[in-house]
Amino acid sequence: MTHNKNKSPKTERRCPECGAPVSWQGNSYRPFCSSRCKQVDLGKWLGEEYSLPVYESPDFPAEDTSSKVIH
């Protein structure tokens, strides 16, 4: 991969929530375009619309959490 030191890195991206162009520098909501999009994304995580895959390894069996008390 060749890098050209004369070019500045791309500083405009797309908002992952709505797709609007997002200026990277000076944007306190990045990678989002606004507080609204940031909150919508957080709501999706909290509502379990997003999840990370879990891969069980034969070396490490799944932990039984059914009898644990959460405070």
Protein backbone atom coordinates (compact mmCIF):
# COMPACT_ATOMS: atom_id res chain seq x y z
CA MET A 1 0.00 0.00 0.00
CA THR A 2 1.44 3.35 -1.02
CA HIS A 3 0.87 6.52 0.97
CA ASN A 4 1.19 9.98 -0.54
CA LYS A 5 2.46 12.38 2.12
CA ASN A 6 1.24 15.38 0.10
CA LYS A 7 -2.42 14.41 0.51
CA SER A 8 -4.28 15.11 3.73
CA PRO A 9 -6.34 12.26 5.20
CA LYS A 10 -10.00 12.19 4.29
CA THR A 11 -11.82 14.25 6.92
CA GLU A 12 -15.38 13.80 5.69
CA ARG A 13 -17.30 10.61 6.34
CA ARG A 14 -20.94 9.50 6.29
CA CYS A 15 -23.07 9.33 9.43
CA PRO A 16 -23.63 5.63 10.25
CA GLU A 17 -27.20 6.39 11.28
CA CYS A 18 -28.62 8.63 8.54
CA GLY A 19 -25.88 8.71 5.89
CA ALA A 20 -25.43 12.49 5.92
CA PRO A 21 -21.93 13.84 5.28
CA VAL A 22 -20.01 14.32 8.55
CA SER A 23 -17.08 16.64 9.03
CA TRP A 24 -14.61 14.77 11.23
CA GLN A 25 -12.63 17.68 12.65
CA GLY A 26 -14.38 19.82 15.23
CA ASN A 27 -17.40 17.49 15.41
CA SER A 28 -18.16 16.45 19.00
CA TYR A 29 -20.75 13.91 17.77
CA ARG A 30 -18.45 11.98 15.43
CA PRO A 31 -18.87 9.55 13.85
CA PHE A 32 -22.46 10.83 13.86
CA CYS A 33 -23.72 14.05 12.30
CA SER A 34 -25.78 15.19 15.29
CA SER A 35 -26.79 14.51 18.85
CA ARG A 36 -30.02 13.00 17.54
CA CYS A 37 -28.25 10.36 15.44
CA LYS A 38 -25.91 9.58 18.33
CA GLN A 39 -28.91 9.05 20.65
CA VAL A 40 -30.80 6.94 18.08
CA ASP A 41 -27.77 4.66 17.77
CA LEU A 42 -27.43 4.38 21.56
CA GLY A 43 -31.12 3.49 21.77
CA LYS A 44 -30.61 0.68 19.27
CA TRP A 45 -27.78 -0.76 21.38
CA LEU A 46 -29.83 -0.47 24.57
CA GLY A 47 -32.86 -2.00 22.84
CA GLU A 48 -30.65 -4.90 21.74
CA GLU A 49 -31.19 -4.22 18.03
CA TYR A 50 -27.42 -4.54 17.70
CA SER A 51 -25.39 -7.34 19.18
CA LEU A 52 -21.92 -8.79 19.01
CA PRO A 53 -21.55 -12.42 17.97
CA VAL A 54 -20.56 -14.89 20.67
CA TYR A 55 -18.43 -17.83 19.72
CA GLU A 56 -18.16 -20.63 22.24
CA SER A 57 -14.86 -22.43 22.42
CA PRO A 58 -14.64 -26.09 23.42
CA ASP A 59 -11.76 -25.05 25.70
CA PHE A 60 -13.98 -22.58 27.57
CA PRO A 61 -17.55 -23.85 28.11
CA ALA A 62 -20.34 -21.31 28.38
CA GLU A 63 -20.83 -19.95 31.89
CA ASP A 64 -24.14 -20.75 33.58
CA THR A 65 -25.52 -17.42 34.80
CA SER A 66 -29.00 -18.63 35.68
CA SER A 67 -28.22 -19.00 39.41
CA LYS A 68 -26.25 -15.77 39.84
CA VAL A 69 -27.80 -12.85 41.67
CA ILE A 70 -27.22 -9.47 40.09
CA HIS A 71 -27.25 -6.49 42.45
